[in-house]
C-alpha atoms as a PDB file:
ATOM      1  CA  MET A   1     -18.240  -9.721  15.792  1.00  0.00           C
ATOM      2  CA  LYS A   2     -16.296  -9.629  19.493  1.00  0.00           C
ATOM      3  CA  LYS A   3     -14.974  -6.488  19.597  1.00  0.00           C
ATOM      4  CA  ILE A   4     -11.550  -5.509  20.408  1.00  0.00           C
ATOM      5  CA  GLU A   5      -9.750  -3.722  23.713  1.00  0.00           C
ATOM      6  CA  GLU A   6      -9.036  -0.637  22.190  1.00  0.00           C
ATOM      7  CA  THR A   7      -6.821   2.162  23.483  1.00  0.00           C
ATOM      8  CA  GLU A   8      -8.665   5.005  25.422  1.00  0.00           C
ATOM      9  CA  SER A   9      -7.023   7.968  22.298  1.00  0.00           C
ATOM     10  CA  SER A  10      -7.979   5.648  19.247  1.00  0.00           C
ATOM     11  CA  ILE A  11     -11.204   6.854  18.456  1.00  0.00           C
ATOM     12  CA  PRO A  12     -12.895   9.983  18.914  1.00  0.00           C
ATOM     13  CA  ILE A  13     -16.376   9.460  19.805  1.00  0.00           C
ATOM     14  CA  GLU A  14     -17.665  12.086  16.932  1.00  0.00           C
ATOM     15  CA  MET A  15     -15.516   9.569  14.535  1.00  0.00           C
ATOM     16  CA  LEU A  16     -18.169   6.967  15.068  1.00  0.00           C
ATOM     17  CA  PRO A  17     -21.340   8.292  12.744  1.00  0.00           C
ATOM     18  CA  TYR A  18     -18.763   8.580   9.905  1.00  0.00           C
ATOM     19  CA  LEU A  19     -16.382   5.320  10.341  1.00  0.00           C
ATOM     20  CA  ASN A  20     -19.831   3.334  10.689  1.00  0.00           C
ATOM     21  CA  LYS A  21     -20.925   3.809   6.725  1.00  0.00           C
ATOM     22  CA  PHE A  22     -18.145   1.928   6.042  1.00  0.00           C
ATOM     23  CA  LYS A  23     -19.338  -1.251   7.401  1.00  0.00           C
ATOM     24  CA  GLY A  24     -18.596  -4.222   5.478  1.00  0.00           C
ATOM     25  CA  LYS A  25     -16.572  -2.418   3.184  1.00  0.00           C
ATOM     26  CA  THR A  26     -12.709  -3.117   2.663  1.00  0.00           C
ATOM     27  CA  PHE A  27     -10.173  -1.100   2.948  1.00  0.00           C
ATOM     28  CA  VAL A  28      -6.514  -2.114   1.482  1.00  0.00           C
ATOM     29  CA  ILE A  29      -3.356  -0.224   3.254  1.00  0.00           C
ATOM     30  CA  LYS A  30      -0.153  -0.007   1.687  1.00  0.00           C
ATOM     31  CA  TYR A  31       2.713  -0.009   4.980  1.00  0.00           C
ATOM     32  CA  GLY A  32       5.583   1.471   4.295  1.00  0.00           C
ATOM     33  CA  GLY A  33       8.647   2.826   5.715  1.00  0.00           C
ATOM     34  CA  SER A  34       7.450   5.919   7.246  1.00  0.00           C
ATOM     35  CA  VAL A  35       5.172   4.056   9.663  1.00  0.00           C
ATOM     36  CA  MET A  36       8.296   1.001  10.535  1.00  0.00           C
ATOM     37  CA  LYS A  37      11.064   3.811  11.328  1.00  0.00           C
ATOM     38  CA  ASN A  38       8.299   5.241  13.842  1.00  0.00           C
ATOM     39  CA  LYS A  39       7.540   3.560  17.182  1.00  0.00           C
ATOM     40  CA  ILE A  40       4.886   5.697  18.660  1.00  0.00           C
ATOM     41  CA  ALA A  41       3.202   6.422  14.483  1.00  0.00           C
ATOM     42  CA  GLN A  42       4.054   1.868  14.660  1.00  0.00           C
ATOM     43  CA  GLU A  43       2.024   2.015  17.826  1.00  0.00           C
ATOM     44  CA  ALA A  44      -0.814   4.154  17.111  1.00  0.00           C
ATOM     45  CA  PHE A  45      -1.413   2.259  13.312  1.00  0.00           C
ATOM     46  CA  PHE A  46      -1.275  -0.964  15.178  1.00  0.00           C
ATOM     47  CA  ASN A  47      -4.432   0.708  17.594  1.00  0.00           C
ATOM     48  CA  ASP A  48      -5.783   2.344  14.215  1.00  0.00           C
ATOM     49  CA  VAL A  49      -6.511  -1.139  12.902  1.00  0.00           C
ATOM     50  CA  VAL A  50      -7.928  -2.367  15.736  1.00  0.00           C
ATOM     51  CA  THR A  51     -10.515   0.687  15.590  1.00  0.00           C
ATOM     52  CA  LEU A  52     -11.487  -0.127  11.873  1.00  0.00           C
ATOM     53  CA  LYS A  53     -11.835  -4.042  12.519  1.00  0.00           C
ATOM     54  CA  ASN A  54     -14.091  -3.056  15.457  1.00  0.00           C
ATOM     55  CA  MET A  55     -16.290  -0.632  13.109  1.00  0.00           C
ATOM     56  CA  ASP A  56     -16.502  -3.814  11.739  1.00  0.00           C
ATOM     57  CA  ILE A  57     -14.402  -2.764   8.079  1.00  0.00           C
ATOM     58  CA  ASN A  58     -12.408  -5.364   6.067  1.00  0.00           C
ATOM     59  CA  ILE A  59      -8.670  -4.703   5.967  1.00  0.00           C
ATOM     60  CA  ILE A  60      -6.037  -6.058   3.636  1.00  0.00           C
ATOM     61  CA  ILE A  61      -2.238  -4.658   4.798  1.00  0.00           C
ATOM     62  CA  VAL A  62       0.187  -4.532   1.950  1.00  0.00           C
ATOM     63  CA  HIS A  63       3.420  -4.080   3.327  1.00  0.00           C
ATOM     64  CA  GLY A  64       7.192  -2.746   2.052  1.00  0.00           C
ATOM     65  CA  GLY A  65      10.463  -3.225   3.441  1.00  0.00           C
ATOM     66  CA  GLY A  66      13.106  -1.440   1.299  1.00  0.00           C
ATOM     67  CA  PRO A  67      15.295   0.401   3.886  1.00  0.00           C
ATOM     68  CA  GLU A  68      15.768  -3.579   5.992  1.00  0.00           C
ATOM     69  CA  ILE A  69      16.225  -5.523   2.322  1.00  0.00           C
ATOM     70  CA  SER A  70      18.839  -2.550   1.775  1.00  0.00           C
ATOM     71  CA  LYS A  71      20.401  -2.938   5.423  1.00  0.00           C
ATOM     72  CA  TRP A  72      20.459  -6.843   4.594  1.00  0.00           C
ATOM     73  CA  LEU A  73      21.796  -6.115   1.500  1.00  0.00           C
ATOM     74  CA  ASN A  74      25.172  -3.996   2.730  1.00  0.00           C
ATOM     75  CA  LYS A  75      25.462  -6.577   5.423  1.00  0.00           C
ATOM     76  CA  THR A  76      25.803  -9.582   2.815  1.00  0.00           C
ATOM     77  CA  GLY A  77      28.508  -7.435   0.421  1.00  0.00           C
ATOM     78  CA  ILE A  78      25.543  -6.906  -2.184  1.00  0.00           C
ATOM     79  CA  GLU A  79      25.391  -3.167  -3.643  1.00  0.00           C
ATOM     80  CA  SER A  80      22.021  -1.690  -4.393  1.00  0.00           C
ATOM     81  CA  LYS A  81      21.696  -0.814  -7.632  1.00  0.00           C
ATOM     82  CA  TRP A  82      18.227   1.076  -8.988  1.00  0.00           C
ATOM     83  CA  VAL A  83      16.588   1.975 -12.528  1.00  0.00           C
ATOM     84  CA  ASN A  84      13.820   3.805 -12.802  1.00  0.00           C
ATOM     85  CA  GLY A  85      12.593   3.483  -9.302  1.00  0.00           C
ATOM     86  CA  LEU A  86      12.670  -0.199  -9.086  1.00  0.00           C
ATOM     87  CA  ARG A  87      15.831  -2.402  -7.263  1.00  0.00           C
ATOM     88  CA  VAL A  88      17.982  -4.011  -9.608  1.00  0.00           C
ATOM     89  CA  THR A  89      17.495  -7.530  -8.533  1.00  0.00           C
ATOM     90  CA  ASP A  90      19.799 -10.313  -9.487  1.00  0.00           C
ATOM     91  CA  TYR A  91      19.592 -14.213  -8.214  1.00  0.00           C
ATOM     92  CA  TYR A  92      21.297 -13.199  -4.526  1.00  0.00           C
ATOM     93  CA  THR A  93      19.218  -9.846  -4.446  1.00  0.00           C
ATOM     94  CA  MET A  94      16.194 -11.634  -4.485  1.00  0.00           C
ATOM     95  CA  GLU A  95      17.172 -14.042  -2.170  1.00  0.00           C
ATOM     96  CA  ILE A  96      17.776 -11.725   0.701  1.00  0.00           C
ATOM     97  CA  VAL A  97      14.668  -9.471  -0.841  1.00  0.00           C
ATOM     98  CA  GLU A  98      12.042 -12.717   0.164  1.00  0.00           C
ATOM     99  CA  MET A  99      14.047 -13.522   3.570  1.00  0.00           C
ATOM    100  CA  VAL A 100      13.520 -10.144   5.335  1.00  0.00           C
ATOM    101  CA  LEU A 101       9.765  -9.362   3.277  1.00  0.00           C
ATOM    102  CA  SER A 102       8.485 -13.009   3.701  1.00  0.00           C
ATOM    103  CA  GLY A 103      10.495 -14.267   6.962  1.00  0.00           C
ATOM    104  CA  ASP A 104      11.078 -11.106   8.820  1.00  0.00           C
ATOM    105  CA  VAL A 105       9.085  -8.156   7.913  1.00  0.00           C
ATOM    106  CA  ASN A 106       5.597  -9.575   7.338  1.00  0.00           C
ATOM    107  CA  LYS A 107       5.952 -11.750  10.586  1.00  0.00           C
ATOM    108  CA  LYS A 108       6.598  -9.174  12.996  1.00  0.00           C
ATOM    109  CA  LEU A 109       3.505  -6.720  11.564  1.00  0.00           C
ATOM    110  CA  SER A 110       1.938  -9.995  11.456  1.00  0.00           C
ATOM    111  CA  SER A 111       2.286 -10.786  14.934  1.00  0.00           C
ATOM    112  CA  HIS A 112       2.101  -7.219  16.283  1.00  0.00           C
ATOM    113  CA  LEU A 113      -1.296  -7.451  14.786  1.00  0.00           C
ATOM    114  CA  SER A 114      -2.519 -10.981  16.300  1.00  0.00           C
ATOM    115  CA  THR A 115      -0.963  -9.452  19.847  1.00  0.00           C
ATOM    116  CA  ARG A 116      -3.899  -7.567  19.733  1.00  0.00           C
ATOM    117  CA  GLY A 117      -6.724  -9.274  19.946  1.00  0.00           C
ATOM    118  CA  LEU A 118      -6.629  -9.038  15.399  1.00  0.00           C
ATOM    119  CA  ASN A 119      -6.980 -12.138  13.296  1.00  0.00           C
ATOM    120  CA  ALA A 120      -3.511 -11.339  11.343  1.00  0.00           C
ATOM    121  CA  ILE A 121      -2.372 -13.981   9.485  1.00  0.00           C
ATOM    122  CA  GLY A 122       1.507 -13.485   7.557  1.00  0.00           C
ATOM    123  CA  ILE A 123       1.290 -14.309   3.924  1.00  0.00           C
ATOM    124  CA  SER A 124       3.653 -14.464   1.537  1.00  0.00           C
ATOM    125  CA  GLY A 125       2.569 -13.566  -2.493  1.00  0.00           C
ATOM    126  CA  ARG A 126       3.802 -16.559  -3.501  1.00  0.00           C
ATOM    127  CA  ASP A 127       1.449 -19.012  -1.109  1.00  0.00           C
ATOM    128  CA  CYS A 128      -1.827 -20.174  -2.755  1.00  0.00           C
ATOM    129  CA  ASN A 129      -0.148 -17.865  -5.897  1.00  0.00           C
ATOM    130  CA  LEU A 130      -1.453 -15.250  -4.459  1.00  0.00           C
ATOM    131  CA  ILE A 131       0.642 -12.834  -6.731  1.00  0.00           C
ATOM    132  CA  ARG A 132       0.738 -14.201 -10.094  1.00  0.00           C
ATOM    133  CA  ALA A 133       3.966 -12.460 -11.788  1.00  0.00           C
ATOM    134  CA  LYS A 134       5.889 -12.175 -14.827  1.00  0.00           C
ATOM    135  CA  LYS A 135       9.484 -10.656 -15.490  1.00  0.00           C
ATOM    136  CA  GLN A 136       9.188  -6.974 -15.902  1.00  0.00           C
ATOM    137  CA  TYR A 137      11.528  -5.142 -18.304  1.00  0.00           C
ATOM    138  CA  ILE A 138      12.323  -1.317 -18.214  1.00  0.00           C
ATOM    139  CA  TYR A 139      12.327   0.655 -21.837  1.00  0.00           C
ATOM    140  CA  GLU A 140      15.253   3.377 -21.903  1.00  0.00           C
ATOM    141  CA  LYS A 141      14.785   5.717 -25.374  1.00  0.00           C
ATOM    142  CA  GLY A 142      13.888   2.360 -27.402  1.00  0.00           C
ATOM    143  CA  GLN A 143      16.739  -0.277 -25.137  1.00  0.00           C
ATOM    144  CA  LYS A 144      15.106  -3.304 -23.106  1.00  0.00           C
ATOM    145  CA  ILE A 145      16.765  -3.663 -20.123  1.00  0.00           C
ATOM    146  CA  ASP A 146      17.126  -6.314 -17.940  1.00  0.00           C
ATOM    147  CA  ILE A 147      16.697  -5.375 -14.059  1.00  0.00           C
ATOM    148  CA  GLY A 148      16.472  -9.447 -12.877  1.00  0.00           C
ATOM    149  CA  PHE A 149      13.879 -10.691 -10.338  1.00  0.00           C
ATOM    150  CA  VAL A 150      11.508  -7.598 -10.413  1.00  0.00           C
ATOM    151  CA  GLY A 151       8.012  -8.739 -11.581  1.00  0.00           C
ATOM    152  CA  LYS A 152       5.158  -7.649 -13.184  1.00  0.00           C
ATOM    153  CA  ILE A 153       1.563  -8.725 -11.693  1.00  0.00           C
ATOM    154  CA  VAL A 154      -0.499 -10.734 -14.355  1.00  0.00           C
ATOM    155  CA  ASN A 155      -3.717 -12.144 -11.668  1.00  0.00           C
ATOM    156  CA  ILE A 156      -4.147 -12.277  -8.002  1.00  0.00           C
ATOM    157  CA  ASN A 157      -6.101 -14.952  -6.060  1.00  0.00           C
ATOM    158  CA  LYS A 158      -9.134 -13.411  -5.236  1.00  0.00           C
ATOM    159  CA  ASN A 159     -11.262 -16.016  -3.995  1.00  0.00           C
ATOM    160  CA  LEU A 160      -8.484 -16.502  -1.434  1.00  0.00           C
ATOM    161  CA  LEU A 161      -8.733 -12.711  -0.342  1.00  0.00           C
ATOM    162  CA  ILE A 162     -12.606 -13.546  -0.013  1.00  0.00           C
ATOM    163  CA  ASP A 163     -12.084 -16.485   1.673  1.00  0.00           C
ATOM    164  CA  PHE A 164      -9.548 -14.301   4.526  1.00  0.00           C
ATOM    165  CA  LEU A 165     -12.167 -11.675   4.962  1.00  0.00           C
ATOM    166  CA  ASP A 166     -15.116 -13.863   5.308  1.00  0.00           C
ATOM    167  CA  LYS A 167     -13.228 -15.576   8.095  1.00  0.00           C
ATOM    168  CA  ASN A 168     -12.688 -11.905  10.143  1.00  0.00           C
ATOM    169  CA  TYR A 169      -8.074 -12.629   9.069  1.00  0.00           C
ATOM    170  CA  ILE A 170      -6.542  -9.989   8.112  1.00  0.00           C
ATOM    171  CA  PRO A 171      -4.388 -10.546   5.309  1.00  0.00           C
ATOM    172  CA  VAL A 172      -0.363  -9.351   5.630  1.00  0.00           C
ATOM    173  CA  ILE A 173       0.872  -9.522   2.338  1.00  0.00           C
ATOM    174  CA  SER A 174       4.381  -9.630   1.177  1.00  0.00           C
ATOM    175  CA  PRO A 175       4.579  -8.263  -2.259  1.00  0.00           C
ATOM    176  CA  ILE A 176       6.686 -11.254  -3.475  1.00  0.00           C
ATOM    177  CA  GLY A 177       5.096 -12.850  -6.935  1.00  0.00           C
ATOM    178  CA  CYS A 178       5.790 -15.676  -8.369  1.00  0.00           C
ATOM    179  CA  ASP A 179       5.276 -17.444 -12.160  1.00  0.00           C
ATOM    180  CA  VAL A 180       4.477 -20.650 -13.771  1.00  0.00           C
ATOM    181  CA  ASP A 181       7.597 -22.188 -13.183  1.00  0.00           C
ATOM    182  CA  GLY A 182       8.050 -21.442  -9.516  1.00  0.00           C
ATOM    183  CA  ASN A 183      10.266 -18.060 -10.119  1.00  0.00           C
ATOM    184  CA  SER A 184      10.093 -15.675  -7.419  1.00  0.00           C
ATOM    185  CA  TYR A 185       9.571 -12.130  -8.392  1.00  0.00           C
ATOM    186  CA  ASN A 186      10.185  -8.435  -6.148  1.00  0.00           C
ATOM    187  CA  ILE A 187       6.951  -6.828  -6.689  1.00  0.00           C
ATOM    188  CA  ASN A 188       6.829  -2.986  -5.725  1.00  0.00           C
ATOM    189  CA  ALA A 189       4.706  -2.782  -2.687  1.00  0.00           C
ATOM    190  CA  ASP A 190       2.551   0.309  -4.144  1.00  0.00           C
ATOM    191  CA  PHE A 191       1.113  -1.678  -7.744  1.00  0.00           C
ATOM    192  CA  ALA A 192       0.955  -4.908  -5.451  1.00  0.00           C
ATOM    193  CA  ALA A 193      -1.553  -3.049  -2.948  1.00  0.00           C
ATOM    194  CA  ALA A 194      -3.218  -0.714  -5.934  1.00  0.00           C
ATOM    195  CA  PHE A 195      -3.918  -3.956  -8.187  1.00  0.00           C
ATOM    196  CA  ILE A 196      -4.880  -5.903  -5.415  1.00  0.00           C
ATOM    197  CA  SER A 197      -7.498  -2.947  -4.067  1.00  0.00           C
ATOM    198  CA  GLY A 198      -8.614  -2.845  -7.473  1.00  0.00           C
ATOM    199  CA  VAL A 199      -9.084  -6.408  -8.040  1.00  0.00           C
ATOM    200  CA  MET A 200     -11.014  -6.545  -4.565  1.00  0.00           C
ATOM    201  CA  LYS A 201     -13.202  -3.199  -5.889  1.00  0.00           C
ATOM    202  CA  ALA A 202     -12.086  -1.896  -2.376  1.00  0.00           C
ATOM    203  CA  GLU A 203     -13.743   0.827  -0.977  1.00  0.00           C
ATOM    204  CA  LYS A 204     -10.317   2.843  -0.731  1.00  0.00           C
ATOM    205  CA  LEU A 205      -6.356   2.456  -1.022  1.00  0.00           C
ATOM    206  CA  ILE A 206      -4.945   3.917   1.574  1.00  0.00           C
ATOM    207  CA  ILE A 207      -1.143   4.756   0.656  1.00  0.00           C
ATOM    208  CA  MET A 208       0.815   5.298   4.046  1.00  0.00           C
ATOM    209  CA  THR A 209       3.833   7.403   2.646  1.00  0.00           C
ATOM    210  CA  ASP A 210       6.602   9.768   3.999  1.00  0.00           C
ATOM    211  CA  ILE A 211       5.178  13.312   2.802  1.00  0.00           C
ATOM    212  CA  GLU A 212       1.934  15.317   3.375  1.00  0.00           C
ATOM    213  CA  GLY A 213       0.007  13.804  -0.310  1.00  0.00           C
ATOM    214  CA  VAL A 214       0.609  15.742  -3.703  1.00  0.00           C
ATOM    215  CA  TYR A 215       2.491  19.105  -4.187  1.00  0.00           C
ATOM    216  CA  ARG A 216       1.728  21.144  -6.919  1.00  0.00           C
ATOM    217  CA  ASP A 217       5.406  22.028  -5.935  1.00  0.00           C
ATOM    218  CA  ILE A 218       7.158  20.126  -3.717  1.00  0.00           C
ATOM    219  CA  HIS A 219       9.205  23.057  -2.149  1.00  0.00           C
ATOM    220  CA  ASP A 220       5.566  24.741  -0.904  1.00  0.00           C
ATOM    221  CA  PRO A 221       3.697  23.547   1.617  1.00  0.00           C
ATOM    222  CA  THR A 222       0.753  25.743   0.250  1.00  0.00           C
ATOM    223  CA  THR A 223       0.650  23.712  -3.005  1.00  0.00           C
ATOM    224  CA  LEU A 224      -0.956  20.248  -1.181  1.00  0.00           C
ATOM    225  CA  ILE A 225      -3.316  19.186  -3.599  1.00  0.00           C
ATOM    226  CA  SER A 226      -6.293  17.613  -1.755  1.00  0.00           C
ATOM    227  CA  THR A 227      -8.356  16.178  -4.791  1.00  0.00           C
ATOM    228  CA  LEU A 228      -6.876  15.013  -7.985  1.00  0.00           C
ATOM    229  CA  THR A 229      -8.663  12.313 -10.887  1.00  0.00           C
ATOM    230  CA  ILE A 230      -7.094  10.507 -13.413  1.00  0.00           C
ATOM    231  CA  GLU A 231      -7.624  12.886 -15.692  1.00  0.00           C
ATOM    232  CA  GLU A 232      -5.859  15.779 -13.754  1.00  0.00           C
ATOM    233  CA  ILE A 233      -3.146  13.514 -13.000  1.00  0.00           C
ATOM    234  CA  HIS A 234      -2.044  13.139 -16.537  1.00  0.00           C
ATOM    235  CA  ASP A 235      -2.817  16.816 -16.962  1.00  0.00           C
ATOM    236  CA  TYR A 236      -0.429  17.941 -14.326  1.00  0.00           C
ATOM    237  CA  ILE A 237       2.502  14.814 -15.290  1.00  0.00           C
ATOM    238  CA  GLU A 238       2.515  16.171 -18.715  1.00  0.00           C
ATOM    239  CA  SER A 239       2.907  20.038 -17.201  1.00  0.00           C
ATOM    240  CA  GLY A 240       5.332  19.219 -15.100  1.00  0.00           C
ATOM    241  CA  GLU A 241       4.018  20.026 -11.604  1.00  0.00           C
ATOM    242  CA  ILE A 242       4.039  16.020 -10.614  1.00  0.00           C
ATOM    243  CA  THR A 243       7.657  14.668 -11.236  1.00  0.00           C
ATOM    244  CA  ASP A 244      10.621  12.019 -10.162  1.00  0.00           C
ATOM    245  CA  GLY A 245       9.062   9.320  -7.608  1.00  0.00           C
ATOM    246  CA  MET A 246       5.654  10.686  -7.088  1.00  0.00           C
ATOM    247  CA  ILE A 247       5.008   9.340 -10.909  1.00  0.00           C
ATOM    248  CA  PRO A 248       4.927   5.445  -9.890  1.00  0.00           C
ATOM    249  CA  LYS A 249       3.229   6.307  -7.455  1.00  0.00           C
ATOM    250  CA  MET A 250       0.698   8.149  -9.262  1.00  0.00           C
ATOM    251  CA  GLU A 251       0.616   5.953 -11.957  1.00  0.00           C
ATOM    252  CA  CYS A 252      -0.573   2.976  -8.968  1.00  0.00           C
ATOM    253  CA  CYS A 253      -3.213   5.410  -8.332  1.00  0.00           C
ATOM    254  CA  ILE A 254      -4.281   5.198 -11.460  1.00  0.00           C
ATOM    255  CA  GLU A 255      -4.434   1.666 -11.964  1.00  0.00           C
ATOM    256  CA  ALA A 256      -6.259   1.449  -8.369  1.00  0.00           C
ATOM    257  CA  ILE A 257      -8.959   3.292 -10.062  1.00  0.00           C
ATOM    258  CA  GLU A 258      -9.285   2.194 -13.326  1.00  0.00           C
ATOM    259  CA  LYS A 259      -9.591  -1.500 -11.768  1.00  0.00           C
ATOM    260  CA  GLY A 260     -12.319  -0.674  -9.289  1.00  0.00           C
ATOM    261  CA  THR A 261     -11.139   0.652  -6.667  1.00  0.00           C
ATOM    262  CA  LYS A 262     -13.660   3.625  -5.259  1.00  0.00           C
ATOM    263  CA  ASN A 263     -11.270   6.339  -4.483  1.00  0.00           C
ATOM    264  CA  VAL A 264      -7.695   6.233  -2.941  1.00  0.00           C
ATOM    265  CA  HIS A 265      -5.404   8.186  -0.120  1.00  0.00           C
ATOM    266  CA  LEU A 266      -2.389   9.577   0.141  1.00  0.00           C
ATOM    267  CA  ILE A 267      -1.691  10.076   3.707  1.00  0.00           C
ATOM    268  CA  ASP A 268       1.611  11.041   6.127  1.00  0.00           C
ATOM    269  CA  GLY A 269       2.545   7.842   7.591  1.00  0.00           C
ATOM    270  CA  ARG A 270       4.632   9.487  10.562  1.00  0.00           C
ATOM    271  CA  LYS A 271       2.132  11.194  11.745  1.00  0.00           C
ATOM    272  CA  GLU A 272       0.475  10.174  14.865  1.00  0.00           C
ATOM    273  CA  HIS A 273      -3.027   7.958  14.110  1.00  0.00           C
ATOM    274  CA  ALA A 274      -2.819   9.364  10.485  1.00  0.00           C
ATOM    275  CA  LEU A 275      -5.005   5.673   9.078  1.00  0.00           C
ATOM    276  CA  LEU A 276      -8.099   7.415  11.792  1.00  0.00           C
ATOM    277  CA  LEU A 277      -7.217  10.811  11.415  1.00  0.00           C
ATOM    278  CA  ASP A 278      -6.999  11.516   7.991  1.00  0.00           C
ATOM    279  CA  LEU A 279      -9.870   9.762   6.698  1.00  0.00           C
ATOM    280  CA  TYR A 280     -11.739  11.451   9.433  1.00  0.00           C
ATOM    281  CA  LEU A 281     -10.395  15.177   8.769  1.00  0.00           C
ATOM    282  CA  LYS A 282     -10.078  14.644   4.866  1.00  0.00           C
ATOM    283  CA  SER A 283      -6.128  15.543   5.233  1.00  0.00           C
ATOM    284  CA  GLY A 284      -3.682  14.421   2.887  1.00  0.00           C
ATOM    285  CA  THR A 285      -4.585  13.342  -0.930  1.00  0.00           C
ATOM    286  CA  ARG A 286      -7.778  11.694  -2.557  1.00  0.00           C
ATOM    287  CA  ILE A 287      -7.290  10.257  -5.749  1.00  0.00           C
ATOM    288  CA  LEU A 288     -11.345   9.621  -7.312  1.00  0.00           C
ATOM    289  CA  SER A 289     -12.957   8.214 -10.132  1.00  0.00           C
ATOM    290  CA  GLY A 290     -14.521  11.146 -12.112  1.00  0.00           C
ATOM    291  CA  GLY A 291     -14.269  13.733 -14.949  1.00  0.00           C
ATOM    292  CA  GLY A 292     -12.875  17.311 -13.048  1.00  0.00           C
ATOM    293  CA  ILE A 293     -13.144  18.226  -9.697  1.00  0.00           C
ATOM    294  CA  ASN A 294     -16.293  19.323 -10.248  1.00  0.00           C
ATOM    295  CA  LYS A 295     -17.648  16.336 -11.605  1.00  0.00           C
ATOM    296  CA  CYS A 296     -15.676  14.083  -8.689  1.00  0.00           C
ATOM    297  CA  GLN A 297     -18.262  11.700  -6.326  1.00  0.00           C
ATOM    298  CA  LYS A 298     -18.300  13.626  -2.732  1.00  0.00           C
ATOM    299  CA  ILE A 299     -15.795  12.262  -0.666  1.00  0.00           C
ATOM    300  CA  VAL A 300     -16.437  10.450   2.434  1.00  0.00           C
END
């Protein structure tokens, strides 16, 4: 494969043997607001993707865009409403969501990658039935709550993604799903990335966040948990040590592992070159298959 020009700072020489382990493997990356809002981290991210591709690692990117959606909703006078961390999405909100994610964020991201010599192709989850979805409801105290055009993934067009990877493309996916009748649905980007990584049996799902990882106490940085298993996640949620917005992220990680992802990394996307350095230095939090910590597979 033709190598793409890299910046000098993008790859410390000692990292090469480590990355070489993943030649031919697939990484699914959830790219979110933590990177989008930081121009320096964003540029470093693009260079890191170049490095990974030069090591013959397959890359799939699923992006969010919540802050941009909120900005455009405010401009059009539509109030943002949330239930259990999910944006209530009526018909007009859905139009804005799809416009921002598929028409703006997706194309800018794929364009930035393409200008660096990568074969990045922006695609909506609606295209070729990439993300088949159905309407999702929320249940509170036994009551069924309709939150509009919010979707739950039913199926992924795996063959389409395999075809892209075989042809050396980087799919850049907007998390918009559609049902059998062609209705569009707003899909949580974390869940979309988790589902896709599981279906693709990815080596790694990398979720770029705005914190360093999972903490037992969010106010105490010394309580960062370096490794977790599914069983331990359930234990920490039950004990109240994992709470609030981290719970749905952990549910995504569980789904990814149970569907076939080898391991999941939560890393701080605000840091320059987080994608490479956190993988190599083994910072952040890793969710692994297996039993307790002593039963875990070796972290690579």
